Amino acid sequence: MKVRFWGVRGSIPTPLTSSQIQGKISAVVQRIQPKDIVDQRSREKFIATLPENLFGTVGGNTTSVEVRLEDDTVIIFDAGSGICRLGADLVRKNEHLRDYHIFFTHFHWDHIQGLPFFSPQMYDPRCKVNFYTPVEGLRNILSGQMKNPYFPITIDVFHKDISYNHLKGNSIKLGTAVISWKRMKHPGGVFSYKIEEHGKTLIFSTDTELSDKDFEKNSENIEYFKDADVLIIDSQYTLDEAIEKYDWGHSSYSLCVDFASVWSIKKLILFHHEPTYDDNKMYSILQSARWYKQYQQNSNISVSLAKEGMEIVL
């Protein structure tokens, strides 16, 4: 399966500011030497040596992650503002897909605000869009943000080939994968999702405040978390912030490293980034997380930072 990140920010969309762009340009200019600008090849070589916090950006769109299965089934986790970029990318590539499967973790605004702008998919009768959640009343929930005075059109303008699926039990088969879900801690409730395909496992757990029960070695946790190949998890806070904002529904990056170690996760991807943090702060957090994981029993964890446009293949 292939995973691509279209929105990685928490709470509100956070575009780069002019001063942040100027700061990146200034830092790059200070690094340039005459040999770096002799010709196109030298310029490209110089650009390739720049640190990630200067070359590009983590991104400011809110949560949306695309998963492509081996049979090309398209699964989308959440419809934050990042889903608009996904729609635009499909148009740019002239990629006309028939079916889309959108799984909602919960319905806080930053996870649904992009849905009316997932265009043309939501308005093209050639597309079939399938919504999924373990929560009842899905259509009524989604229609809440698309009504006067909050929005100029209602959900009735979506094309007719849309299904609202209430997930029951513990798992479903979809394409070449099995998808299961688990309730996690967050104000109002949230669900994580696990995709298993051909022996590879991906867990998506945004807006999660890890607690003691998530570390318990009971049969439910062992079956769900242990030995996962990739864990994408909310790591919005530093440890100090997590203590200060207890019960706000998010985790610290250090606790996420602890969690990945306990469950022998192979790759940990820090996600749902704090909107007040710039790229320098985000990469500082990544460095701290990588330093901290050295002192874990399972120190072989790969720790990465979710960035818009990033792709991983399982």
C-alpha atoms as a PDB file:
ATOM      1  CA  MET A   1       0.000   0.000   0.000  1.00  0.00           C
ATOM      2  CA  LYS A   2       1.053   3.593  -0.629  1.00  0.00           C
ATOM      3  CA  VAL A   3       0.359   6.416   1.830  1.00  0.00           C
ATOM      4  CA  ARG A   4       0.376  10.093   0.913  1.00  0.00           C
ATOM      5  CA  PHE A   5      -0.085  13.013   3.297  1.00  0.00           C
ATOM      6  CA  TRP A   6      -2.283  15.882   2.112  1.00  0.00           C
ATOM      7  CA  GLY A   7      -2.934  17.598   5.462  1.00  0.00           C
ATOM      8  CA  VAL A   8      -0.819  17.166   8.593  1.00  0.00           C
ATOM      9  CA  ARG A   9      -1.688  20.175  10.770  1.00  0.00           C
ATOM     10  CA  GLY A  10      -3.986  20.169  13.788  1.00  0.00           C
ATOM     11  CA  SER A  11      -6.819  22.491  14.776  1.00  0.00           C
ATOM     12  CA  ILE A  12      -6.683  25.176  12.066  1.00  0.00           C
ATOM     13  CA  PRO A  13      -5.042  25.591   8.643  1.00  0.00           C
ATOM     14  CA  THR A  14      -1.694  27.333   9.084  1.00  0.00           C
ATOM     15  CA  PRO A  15      -0.116  28.703   5.895  1.00  0.00           C
ATOM     16  CA  LEU A  16       3.452  29.968   5.876  1.00  0.00           C
ATOM     17  CA  THR A  17       3.712  33.668   6.695  1.00  0.00           C
ATOM     18  CA  SER A  18       5.730  36.166   4.672  1.00  0.00           C
ATOM     19  CA  SER A  19       8.225  36.534   7.507  1.00  0.00           C
ATOM     20  CA  GLN A  20       8.723  32.767   7.669  1.00  0.00           C
ATOM     21  CA  ILE A  21       9.387  32.618   3.918  1.00  0.00           C
ATOM     22  CA  GLN A  22      11.802  35.546   4.202  1.00  0.00           C
ATOM     23  CA  GLY A  23      13.552  33.757   7.068  1.00  0.00           C
ATOM     24  CA  LYS A  24      14.050  30.642   4.924  1.00  0.00           C
ATOM     25  CA  ILE A  25      15.387  32.710   2.007  1.00  0.00           C
ATOM     26  CA  SER A  26      17.779  34.604   4.277  1.00  0.00           C
ATOM     27  CA  ALA A  27      19.109  31.383   5.810  1.00  0.00           C
ATOM     28  CA  VAL A  28      19.667  29.842   2.375  1.00  0.00           C
ATOM     29  CA  VAL A  29      21.431  32.963   1.014  1.00  0.00           C
ATOM     30  CA  GLN A  30      23.820  32.926   3.975  1.00  0.00           C
ATOM     31  CA  ARG A  31      24.884  29.377   3.041  1.00  0.00           C
ATOM     32  CA  ILE A  32      25.652  30.114  -0.609  1.00  0.00           C
ATOM     33  CA  GLN A  33      29.293  30.104  -1.757  1.00  0.00           C
ATOM     34  CA  PRO A  34      30.516  31.159  -5.231  1.00  0.00           C
ATOM     35  CA  LYS A  35      31.019  27.535  -6.269  1.00  0.00           C
ATOM     36  CA  ASP A  36      27.323  26.848  -5.595  1.00  0.00           C
ATOM     37  CA  ILE A  37      26.059  29.133  -8.359  1.00  0.00           C
ATOM     38  CA  VAL A  38      28.483  28.483 -11.214  1.00  0.00           C
ATOM     39  CA  ASP A  39      25.915  26.654 -13.349  1.00  0.00           C
ATOM     40  CA  GLN A  40      22.601  24.794 -13.118  1.00  0.00           C
ATOM     41  CA  ARG A  41      24.233  21.589 -11.931  1.00  0.00           C
ATOM     42  CA  SER A  42      26.039  23.313  -9.072  1.00  0.00           C
ATOM     43  CA  ARG A  43      22.848  25.126  -8.070  1.00  0.00           C
ATOM     44  CA  GLU A  44      20.886  21.883  -7.988  1.00  0.00           C
ATOM     45  CA  LYS A  45      23.646  20.211  -5.989  1.00  0.00           C
ATOM     46  CA  PHE A  46      23.558  23.072  -3.488  1.00  0.00           C
ATOM     47  CA  ILE A  47      19.779  22.891  -3.144  1.00  0.00           C
ATOM     48  CA  ALA A  48      20.000  19.139  -2.521  1.00  0.00           C
ATOM     49  CA  THR A  49      22.267  19.759   0.483  1.00  0.00           C
ATOM     50  CA  LEU A  50      19.869  22.127   2.233  1.00  0.00           C
ATOM     51  CA  PRO A  51      18.288  20.905   5.495  1.00  0.00           C
ATOM     52  CA  GLU A  52      14.623  19.975   5.328  1.00  0.00           C
ATOM     53  CA  ASN A  53      13.494  22.911   7.454  1.00  0.00           C
ATOM     54  CA  LEU A  54      14.806  25.289   4.758  1.00  0.00           C
ATOM     55  CA  PHE A  55      14.002  23.342   1.612  1.00  0.00           C
ATOM     56  CA  GLY A  56      10.216  23.068   1.631  1.00  0.00           C
ATOM     57  CA  THR A  57       7.775  23.124   4.525  1.00  0.00           C
ATOM     58  CA  VAL A  58       5.944  20.741   6.837  1.00  0.00           C
ATOM     59  CA  GLY A  59       2.652  22.155   5.564  1.00  0.00           C
ATOM     60  CA  GLY A  60      -0.336  23.970   6.981  1.00  0.00           C
ATOM     61  CA  ASN A  61      -3.406  22.036   5.801  1.00  0.00           C
ATOM     62  CA  THR A  62      -5.516  20.143   8.303  1.00  0.00           C
ATOM     63  CA  THR A  63      -5.881  16.383   8.452  1.00  0.00           C
ATOM     64  CA  SER A  64      -6.291  14.308   5.321  1.00  0.00           C
ATOM     65  CA  VAL A  65      -4.318  11.184   4.409  1.00  0.00           C
ATOM     66  CA  GLU A  66      -4.690   9.067   1.270  1.00  0.00           C
ATOM     67  CA  VAL A  67      -3.977   5.331   1.168  1.00  0.00           C
ATOM     68  CA  ARG A  68      -3.810   3.445  -2.142  1.00  0.00           C
ATOM     69  CA  LEU A  69      -4.180  -0.295  -1.884  1.00  0.00           C
ATOM     70  CA  GLU A  70      -2.556  -2.761  -4.256  1.00  0.00           C
ATOM     71  CA  ASP A  71      -5.765  -2.998  -6.319  1.00  0.00           C
ATOM     72  CA  ASP A  72      -5.861   0.853  -6.534  1.00  0.00           C
ATOM     73  CA  THR A  73      -8.688   1.184  -4.016  1.00  0.00           C
ATOM     74  CA  VAL A  74      -8.546   4.753  -2.643  1.00  0.00           C
ATOM     75  CA  ILE A  75      -8.999   5.181   1.112  1.00  0.00           C
ATOM     76  CA  ILE A  76      -8.984   8.668   2.644  1.00  0.00           C
ATOM     77  CA  PHE A  77      -8.717   9.344   6.353  1.00  0.00           C
ATOM     78  CA  ASP A  78     -10.586  12.540   7.266  1.00  0.00           C
ATOM     79  CA  ALA A  79     -11.562  15.540   5.165  1.00  0.00           C
ATOM     80  CA  GLY A  80      -9.659  18.483   6.591  1.00  0.00           C
ATOM     81  CA  SER A  81      -8.440  21.211   4.256  1.00  0.00           C
ATOM     82  CA  GLY A  82      -5.806  18.826   2.906  1.00  0.00           C
ATOM     83  CA  ILE A  83      -8.436  16.888   0.954  1.00  0.00           C
ATOM     84  CA  CYS A  84      -8.766  19.922  -1.346  1.00  0.00           C
ATOM     85  CA  ARG A  85      -5.159  19.405  -2.444  1.00  0.00           C
ATOM     86  CA  LEU A  86      -5.901  15.746  -3.134  1.00  0.00           C
ATOM     87  CA  GLY A  87      -8.832  16.692  -5.347  1.00  0.00           C
ATOM     88  CA  ALA A  88      -6.727  19.263  -7.207  1.00  0.00           C
ATOM     89  CA  ASP A  89      -3.917  16.742  -7.700  1.00  0.00           C
ATOM     90  CA  LEU A  90      -6.294  14.212  -9.239  1.00  0.00           C
ATOM     91  CA  VAL A  91      -7.495  16.884 -11.667  1.00  0.00           C
ATOM     92  CA  ARG A  92      -3.929  17.895 -12.519  1.00  0.00           C
ATOM     93  CA  LYS A  93      -3.022  14.288 -13.292  1.00  0.00           C
ATOM     94  CA  ASN A  94      -6.260  13.838 -15.249  1.00  0.00           C
ATOM     95  CA  GLU A  95      -6.903  10.824 -13.020  1.00  0.00           C
ATOM     96  CA  HIS A  96     -10.569   9.856 -13.175  1.00  0.00           C
ATOM     97  CA  LEU A  97     -11.301   7.439 -10.359  1.00  0.00           C
ATOM     98  CA  ARG A  98     -14.699   5.906  -9.854  1.00  0.00           C
ATOM     99  CA  ASP A  99     -14.715   5.075  -6.131  1.00  0.00           C
ATOM    100  CA  TYR A 100     -13.539   6.947  -3.049  1.00  0.00           C
ATOM    101  CA  HIS A 101     -13.731   5.572   0.501  1.00  0.00           C
ATOM    102  CA  ILE A 102     -13.552   8.277   3.190  1.00  0.00           C
ATOM    103  CA  PHE A 103     -13.195   7.156   6.823  1.00  0.00           C
ATOM    104  CA  PHE A 104     -13.825   9.719   9.545  1.00  0.00           C
ATOM    105  CA  THR A 105     -11.964   9.519  12.839  1.00  0.00           C
ATOM    106  CA  HIS A 106     -14.317  12.094  14.379  1.00  0.00           C
ATOM    107  CA  PHE A 107     -16.123  15.266  13.368  1.00  0.00           C
ATOM    108  CA  HIS A 108     -14.287  18.205  14.843  1.00  0.00           C
ATOM    109  CA  TRP A 109     -14.184  20.954  12.278  1.00  0.00           C
ATOM    110  CA  ASP A 110     -10.544  20.566  11.241  1.00  0.00           C
ATOM    111  CA  HIS A 111     -11.376  17.015  10.099  1.00  0.00           C
ATOM    112  CA  ILE A 112     -14.400  17.830   7.936  1.00  0.00           C
ATOM    113  CA  GLN A 113     -13.915  21.425   6.774  1.00  0.00           C
ATOM    114  CA  GLY A 114     -12.436  20.447   3.395  1.00  0.00           C
ATOM    115  CA  LEU A 115     -15.252  18.129   2.339  1.00  0.00           C
ATOM    116  CA  PRO A 116     -17.397  20.715   0.474  1.00  0.00           C
ATOM    117  CA  PHE A 117     -14.265  21.668  -1.475  1.00  0.00           C
ATOM    118  CA  PHE A 118     -13.298  18.111  -2.470  1.00  0.00           C
ATOM    119  CA  SER A 119     -14.019  18.974  -6.048  1.00  0.00           C
ATOM    120  CA  PRO A 120     -15.041  17.771  -8.552  1.00  0.00           C
ATOM    121  CA  GLN A 121     -15.377  14.440  -6.737  1.00  0.00           C
ATOM    122  CA  MET A 122     -18.293  15.462  -4.520  1.00  0.00           C
ATOM    123  CA  TYR A 123     -20.213  16.956  -7.452  1.00  0.00           C
ATOM    124  CA  ASP A 124     -19.314  14.665 -10.371  1.00  0.00           C
ATOM    125  CA  PRO A 125     -22.013  11.985 -10.943  1.00  0.00           C
ATOM    126  CA  ARG A 126     -19.344   9.709 -12.423  1.00  0.00           C
ATOM    127  CA  CYS A 127     -17.773   9.388  -8.965  1.00  0.00           C
ATOM    128  CA  LYS A 128     -19.027   7.199  -6.148  1.00  0.00           C
ATOM    129  CA  VAL A 129     -18.114   8.455  -2.684  1.00  0.00           C
ATOM    130  CA  ASN A 130     -18.469   6.146   0.304  1.00  0.00           C
ATOM    131  CA  PHE A 131     -18.359   7.589   3.835  1.00  0.00           C
ATOM    132  CA  TYR A 132     -17.606   5.457   6.897  1.00  0.00           C
ATOM    133  CA  THR A 133     -17.741   5.957  10.662  1.00  0.00           C
ATOM    134  CA  PRO A 134     -18.626   3.904  13.752  1.00  0.00           C
ATOM    135  CA  VAL A 135     -20.825   6.850  14.798  1.00  0.00           C
ATOM    136  CA  GLU A 136     -24.541   6.884  13.937  1.00  0.00           C
ATOM    137  CA  GLY A 137     -26.243   9.710  12.030  1.00  0.00           C
ATOM    138  CA  LEU A 138     -23.386  10.420   9.627  1.00  0.00           C
ATOM    139  CA  ARG A 139     -25.381  12.348   7.028  1.00  0.00           C
ATOM    140  CA  ASN A 140     -26.894  14.656   9.617  1.00  0.00           C
ATOM    141  CA  ILE A 141     -23.463  15.299  11.119  1.00  0.00           C
ATOM    142  CA  LEU A 142     -21.884  16.236   7.787  1.00  0.00           C
ATOM    143  CA  SER A 143     -24.832  18.379   6.735  1.00  0.00           C
ATOM    144  CA  GLY A 144     -24.398  20.512   9.861  1.00  0.00           C
ATOM    145  CA  GLN A 145     -21.527  22.537   8.405  1.00  0.00           C
ATOM    146  CA  MET A 146     -23.287  22.998   5.054  1.00  0.00           C
ATOM    147  CA  LYS A 147     -26.297  25.080   5.930  1.00  0.00           C
ATOM    148  CA  ASN A 148     -27.234  28.714   6.328  1.00  0.00           C
ATOM    149  CA  PRO A 149     -25.669  30.856   7.770  1.00  0.00           C
ATOM    150  CA  TYR A 150     -22.424  28.849   7.746  1.00  0.00           C
ATOM    151  CA  PHE A 151     -22.299  27.821   4.098  1.00  0.00           C
ATOM    152  CA  PRO A 152     -23.933  29.009   0.853  1.00  0.00           C
ATOM    153  CA  ILE A 153     -25.110  25.554  -0.320  1.00  0.00           C
ATOM    154  CA  THR A 154     -26.462  22.469   1.420  1.00  0.00           C
ATOM    155  CA  ILE A 155     -25.305  18.878   1.322  1.00  0.00           C
ATOM    156  CA  ASP A 156     -28.123  18.160  -1.152  1.00  0.00           C
ATOM    157  CA  VAL A 157     -25.988  19.582  -3.983  1.00  0.00           C
ATOM    158  CA  PHE A 158     -23.600  16.623  -3.691  1.00  0.00           C
ATOM    159  CA  HIS A 159     -24.185  14.106  -6.461  1.00  0.00           C
ATOM    160  CA  LYS A 160     -26.534  11.250  -5.645  1.00  0.00           C
ATOM    161  CA  ASP A 161     -24.081   8.336  -5.700  1.00  0.00           C
ATOM    162  CA  ILE A 162     -22.968   8.763  -2.100  1.00  0.00           C
ATOM    163  CA  SER A 163     -23.264   6.161   0.640  1.00  0.00           C
ATOM    164  CA  TYR A 164     -23.240   6.815   4.385  1.00  0.00           C
ATOM    165  CA  ASN A 165     -21.953   3.691   6.114  1.00  0.00           C
ATOM    166  CA  HIS A 166     -22.320   3.069   9.833  1.00  0.00           C
ATOM    167  CA  LEU A 167     -19.479   0.736  10.817  1.00  0.00           C
ATOM    168  CA  LYS A 168     -20.517  -2.063  13.133  1.00  0.00           C
ATOM    169  CA  GLY A 169     -18.508  -4.830  14.721  1.00  0.00           C
ATOM    170  CA  ASN A 170     -14.721  -4.618  14.610  1.00  0.00           C
ATOM    171  CA  SER A 171     -13.599  -4.763  10.978  1.00  0.00           C
ATOM    172  CA  ILE A 172     -14.575  -4.782   7.312  1.00  0.00           C
ATOM    173  CA  LYS A 173     -13.009  -6.101   4.120  1.00  0.00           C
ATOM    174  CA  LEU A 174     -12.342  -3.440   1.514  1.00  0.00           C
ATOM    175  CA  GLY A 175     -10.508  -4.205  -1.706  1.00  0.00           C
ATOM    176  CA  THR A 176      -7.369  -6.154  -0.881  1.00  0.00           C
ATOM    177  CA  ALA A 177      -7.299  -5.010   2.750  1.00  0.00           C
ATOM    178  CA  VAL A 178      -8.996  -5.499   6.096  1.00  0.00           C
ATOM    179  CA  ILE A 179      -9.805  -2.318   8.016  1.00  0.00           C
ATOM    180  CA  SER A 180     -10.452  -2.366  11.751  1.00  0.00           C
ATOM    181  CA  TRP A 181     -11.015   0.422  14.254  1.00  0.00           C
ATOM    182  CA  LYS A 182     -10.574   1.199  17.933  1.00  0.00           C
ATOM    183  CA  ARG A 183     -11.937   3.941  20.163  1.00  0.00           C
ATOM    184  CA  MET A 184      -9.258   6.239  21.572  1.00  0.00           C
ATOM    185  CA  LYS A 185      -9.291   9.114  24.072  1.00  0.00           C
ATOM    186  CA  HIS A 186     -10.345  12.555  22.789  1.00  0.00           C
ATOM    187  CA  PRO A 187     -13.091  15.026  23.823  1.00  0.00           C
ATOM    188  CA  GLY A 188     -16.268  13.859  22.121  1.00  0.00           C
ATOM    189  CA  GLY A 189     -14.664  10.553  21.125  1.00  0.00           C
ATOM    190  CA  VAL A 190     -12.359   9.489  18.296  1.00  0.00           C
ATOM    191  CA  PHE A 191     -11.528   6.277  16.427  1.00  0.00           C
ATOM    192  CA  SER A 192      -8.211   5.072  15.128  1.00  0.00           C
ATOM    193  CA  TYR A 193      -8.102   2.831  12.048  1.00  0.00           C
ATOM    194  CA  LYS A 194      -5.852  -0.067  11.135  1.00  0.00           C
ATOM    195  CA  ILE A 195      -5.306  -1.272   7.573  1.00  0.00           C
ATOM    196  CA  GLU A 196      -3.863  -4.736   6.973  1.00  0.00           C
ATOM    197  CA  GLU A 197      -2.853  -5.737   3.468  1.00  0.00           C
ATOM    198  CA  HIS A 198      -0.607  -8.658   2.482  1.00  0.00           C
ATOM    199  CA  GLY A 199       1.009  -8.872   5.903  1.00  0.00           C
ATOM    200  CA  LYS A 200       1.683  -5.136   6.211  1.00  0.00           C
ATOM    201  CA  THR A 201      -0.055  -3.021   8.848  1.00  0.00           C
ATOM    202  CA  LEU A 202      -0.742   0.706   9.027  1.00  0.00           C
ATOM    203  CA  ILE A 203      -2.369   2.389  12.045  1.00  0.00           C
ATOM    204  CA  PHE A 204      -3.772   5.912  11.763  1.00  0.00           C
ATOM    205  CA  SER A 205      -4.497   7.469  15.161  1.00  0.00           C
ATOM    206  CA  THR A 206      -4.951  11.220  15.013  1.00  0.00           C
ATOM    207  CA  ASP A 207      -6.395  13.340  17.848  1.00  0.00           C
ATOM    208  CA  THR A 208      -5.363  10.773  20.407  1.00  0.00           C
ATOM    209  CA  GLU A 209      -4.468  11.429  24.022  1.00  0.00           C
ATOM    210  CA  LEU A 210      -2.582   8.298  25.028  1.00  0.00           C
ATOM    211  CA  SER A 211      -3.427   6.971  28.477  1.00  0.00           C
ATOM    212  CA  ASP A 212      -2.360   4.112  30.731  1.00  0.00           C
ATOM    213  CA  LYS A 213      -4.926   1.747  29.241  1.00  0.00           C
ATOM    214  CA  ASP A 214      -3.309   2.086  25.807  1.00  0.00           C
ATOM    215  CA  PHE A 215      -0.112   0.593  27.263  1.00  0.00           C
ATOM    216  CA  GLU A 216      -1.834  -2.353  28.952  1.00  0.00           C
ATOM    217  CA  LYS A 217      -0.746  -5.744  27.579  1.00  0.00           C
ATOM    218  CA  ASN A 218      -4.281  -7.086  27.202  1.00  0.00           C
ATOM    219  CA  SER A 219      -5.481  -9.179  24.265  1.00  0.00           C
ATOM    220  CA  GLU A 220      -7.321  -6.290  22.582  1.00  0.00           C
ATOM    221  CA  ASN A 221      -4.294  -3.989  22.582  1.00  0.00           C
ATOM    222  CA  ILE A 222      -1.898  -6.759  21.568  1.00  0.00           C
ATOM    223  CA  GLU A 223      -4.036  -7.683  18.574  1.00  0.00           C
ATOM    224  CA  TYR A 224      -4.464  -4.081  17.477  1.00  0.00           C
ATOM    225  CA  PHE A 225      -1.110  -2.398  18.123  1.00  0.00           C
ATOM    226  CA  LYS A 226       1.686  -4.965  18.423  1.00  0.00           C
ATOM    227  CA  ASP A 227       4.290  -5.139  15.639  1.00  0.00           C
ATOM    228  CA  ALA A 228       2.546  -2.656  13.350  1.00  0.00           C
ATOM    229  CA  ASP A 229       4.720  -1.572  10.442  1.00  0.00           C
ATOM    230  CA  VAL A 230       3.660   2.090  10.550  1.00  0.00           C
ATOM    231  CA  LEU A 231       1.961   4.168  13.236  1.00  0.00           C
ATOM    232  CA  ILE A 232       0.760   7.666  12.283  1.00  0.00           C
ATOM    233  CA  ILE A 233      -0.183   9.322  15.560  1.00  0.00           C
ATOM    234  CA  ASP A 234      -1.093  12.677  17.092  1.00  0.00           C
ATOM    235  CA  SER A 235       2.034  14.145  18.677  1.00  0.00           C
ATOM    236  CA  GLN A 236       0.899  17.743  18.887  1.00  0.00           C
ATOM    237  CA  TYR A 237       2.471  18.630  22.232  1.00  0.00           C
ATOM    238  CA  THR A 238       5.755  18.756  24.036  1.00  0.00           C
ATOM    239  CA  LEU A 239       5.760  16.996  27.407  1.00  0.00           C
ATOM    240  CA  ASP A 240       5.250  20.275  29.285  1.00  0.00           C
ATOM    241  CA  GLU A 241       2.290  21.177  27.083  1.00  0.00           C
ATOM    242  CA  ALA A 242       0.755  17.728  27.476  1.00  0.00           C
ATOM    243  CA  ILE A 243       0.826  18.161  31.251  1.00  0.00           C
ATOM    244  CA  GLU A 244      -0.532  21.703  31.052  1.00  0.00           C
ATOM    245  CA  LYS A 245      -3.254  20.671  28.581  1.00  0.00           C
ATOM    246  CA  TYR A 246      -4.252  17.393  30.164  1.00  0.00           C
ATOM    247  CA  ASP A 247      -7.605  16.161  28.820  1.00  0.00           C
ATOM    248  CA  TRP A 248      -7.384  18.314  25.697  1.00  0.00           C
ATOM    249  CA  GLY A 249      -7.167  15.158  23.622  1.00  0.00           C
ATOM    250  CA  HIS A 250      -3.620  15.194  22.224  1.00  0.00           C
ATOM    251  CA  SER A 251      -0.307  13.501  23.029  1.00  0.00           C
ATOM    252  CA  SER A 252       3.303  14.546  23.453  1.00  0.00           C
ATOM    253  CA  TYR A 253       5.919  13.315  21.012  1.00  0.00           C
ATOM    254  CA  SER A 254       7.843  11.669  23.866  1.00  0.00           C
ATOM    255  CA  LEU A 255       4.823   9.631  24.959  1.00  0.00           C
ATOM    256  CA  CYS A 256       4.324   8.556  21.342  1.00  0.00           C
ATOM    257  CA  VAL A 257       7.906   7.274  21.283  1.00  0.00           C
ATOM    258  CA  ASP A 258       7.229   5.366  24.531  1.00  0.00           C
ATOM    259  CA  PHE A 259       4.093   3.907  23.000  1.00  0.00           C
ATOM    260  CA  ALA A 260       5.836   2.839  19.788  1.00  0.00           C
ATOM    261  CA  SER A 261       8.558   1.168  21.809  1.00  0.00           C
ATOM    262  CA  VAL A 262       6.147  -0.749  24.035  1.00  0.00           C
ATOM    263  CA  TRP A 263       4.266  -2.134  21.024  1.00  0.00           C
ATOM    264  CA  SER A 264       7.341  -2.788  18.845  1.00  0.00           C
ATOM    265  CA  ILE A 265       6.190  -0.408  16.137  1.00  0.00           C
ATOM    266  CA  LYS A 266       8.644  -0.335  13.239  1.00  0.00           C
ATOM    267  CA  LYS A 267       8.010   3.197  11.950  1.00  0.00           C
ATOM    268  CA  LEU A 268       6.554   6.082  13.957  1.00  0.00           C
ATOM    269  CA  ILE A 269       5.271   9.135  12.086  1.00  0.00           C
ATOM    270  CA  LEU A 270       4.581  12.242  14.166  1.00  0.00           C
ATOM    271  CA  PHE A 271       1.330  13.871  13.051  1.00  0.00           C
ATOM    272  CA  HIS A 272      -1.360  16.506  13.764  1.00  0.00           C
ATOM    273  CA  HIS A 273       1.159  19.270  14.314  1.00  0.00           C
ATOM    274  CA  GLU A 274       0.571  22.207  16.621  1.00  0.00           C
ATOM    275  CA  PRO A 275      -0.622  25.174  14.491  1.00  0.00           C
ATOM    276  CA  THR A 276       1.551  27.708  16.351  1.00  0.00           C
ATOM    277  CA  TYR A 277       4.762  25.820  15.528  1.00  0.00           C
ATOM    278  CA  ASP A 278       6.878  26.854  12.550  1.00  0.00           C
ATOM    279  CA  ASP A 279       9.095  24.489  10.563  1.00  0.00           C
ATOM    280  CA  ASN A 280      12.134  25.113  12.768  1.00  0.00           C
ATOM    281  CA  LYS A 281      10.167  24.104  15.850  1.00  0.00           C
ATOM    282  CA  MET A 282       8.784  21.011  14.127  1.00  0.00           C
ATOM    283  CA  TYR A 283      12.230  19.782  13.111  1.00  0.00           C
ATOM    284  CA  SER A 284      13.519  20.502  16.597  1.00  0.00           C
ATOM    285  CA  ILE A 285      10.772  18.227  17.928  1.00  0.00           C
ATOM    286  CA  LEU A 286      11.765  15.546  15.424  1.00  0.00           C
ATOM    287  CA  GLN A 287      15.389  15.725  16.581  1.00  0.00           C
ATOM    288  CA  SER A 288      14.277  15.465  20.208  1.00  0.00           C
ATOM    289  CA  ALA A 289      12.085  12.462  19.442  1.00  0.00           C
ATOM    290  CA  ARG A 290      14.958  10.712  17.666  1.00  0.00           C
ATOM    291  CA  TRP A 291      17.273  11.469  20.574  1.00  0.00           C
ATOM    292  CA  TYR A 292      14.728  10.179  23.074  1.00  0.00           C
ATOM    293  CA  LYS A 293      14.083   6.911  21.215  1.00  0.00           C
ATOM    294  CA  GLN A 294      17.730   5.910  21.713  1.00  0.00           C
ATOM    295  CA  TYR A 295      16.936   5.282  25.357  1.00  0.00           C
ATOM    296  CA  GLN A 296      13.974   3.005  24.680  1.00  0.00           C
ATOM    297  CA  GLN A 297      14.032  -0.753  25.005  1.00  0.00           C
ATOM    298  CA  ASN A 298      13.009  -0.905  21.357  1.00  0.00           C
ATOM    299  CA  SER A 299      15.460   1.702  20.063  1.00  0.00           C
ATOM    300  CA  ASN A 300      15.245   0.528  16.450  1.00  0.00           C
ATOM    301  CA  ILE A 301      12.074   2.539  15.842  1.00  0.00           C
ATOM    302  CA  SER A 302      12.246   4.758  12.777  1.00  0.00           C
ATOM    303  CA  VAL A 303      10.882   8.201  13.690  1.00  0.00           C
ATOM    304  CA  SER A 304       9.687  10.607  10.982  1.00  0.00           C
ATOM    305  CA  LEU A 305       7.743  13.836  10.711  1.00  0.00           C
ATOM    306  CA  ALA A 306       4.574  13.888   8.605  1.00  0.00           C
ATOM    307  CA  LYS A 307       4.875  16.490   5.845  1.00  0.00           C
ATOM    308  CA  GLU A 308       2.451  17.498   3.128  1.00  0.00           C
ATOM    309  CA  GLY A 309       3.197  15.632  -0.083  1.00  0.00           C
ATOM    310  CA  MET A 310       5.255  12.973   1.678  1.00  0.00           C
ATOM    311  CA  GLU A 311       4.761   9.408   0.447  1.00  0.00           C
ATOM    312  CA  ILE A 312       5.599   6.115   2.092  1.00  0.00           C
ATOM    313  CA  VAL A 313       5.203   2.611   0.707  1.00  0.00           C
ATOM    314  CA  LEU A 314       4.523  -0.459   2.806  1.00  0.00           C
END
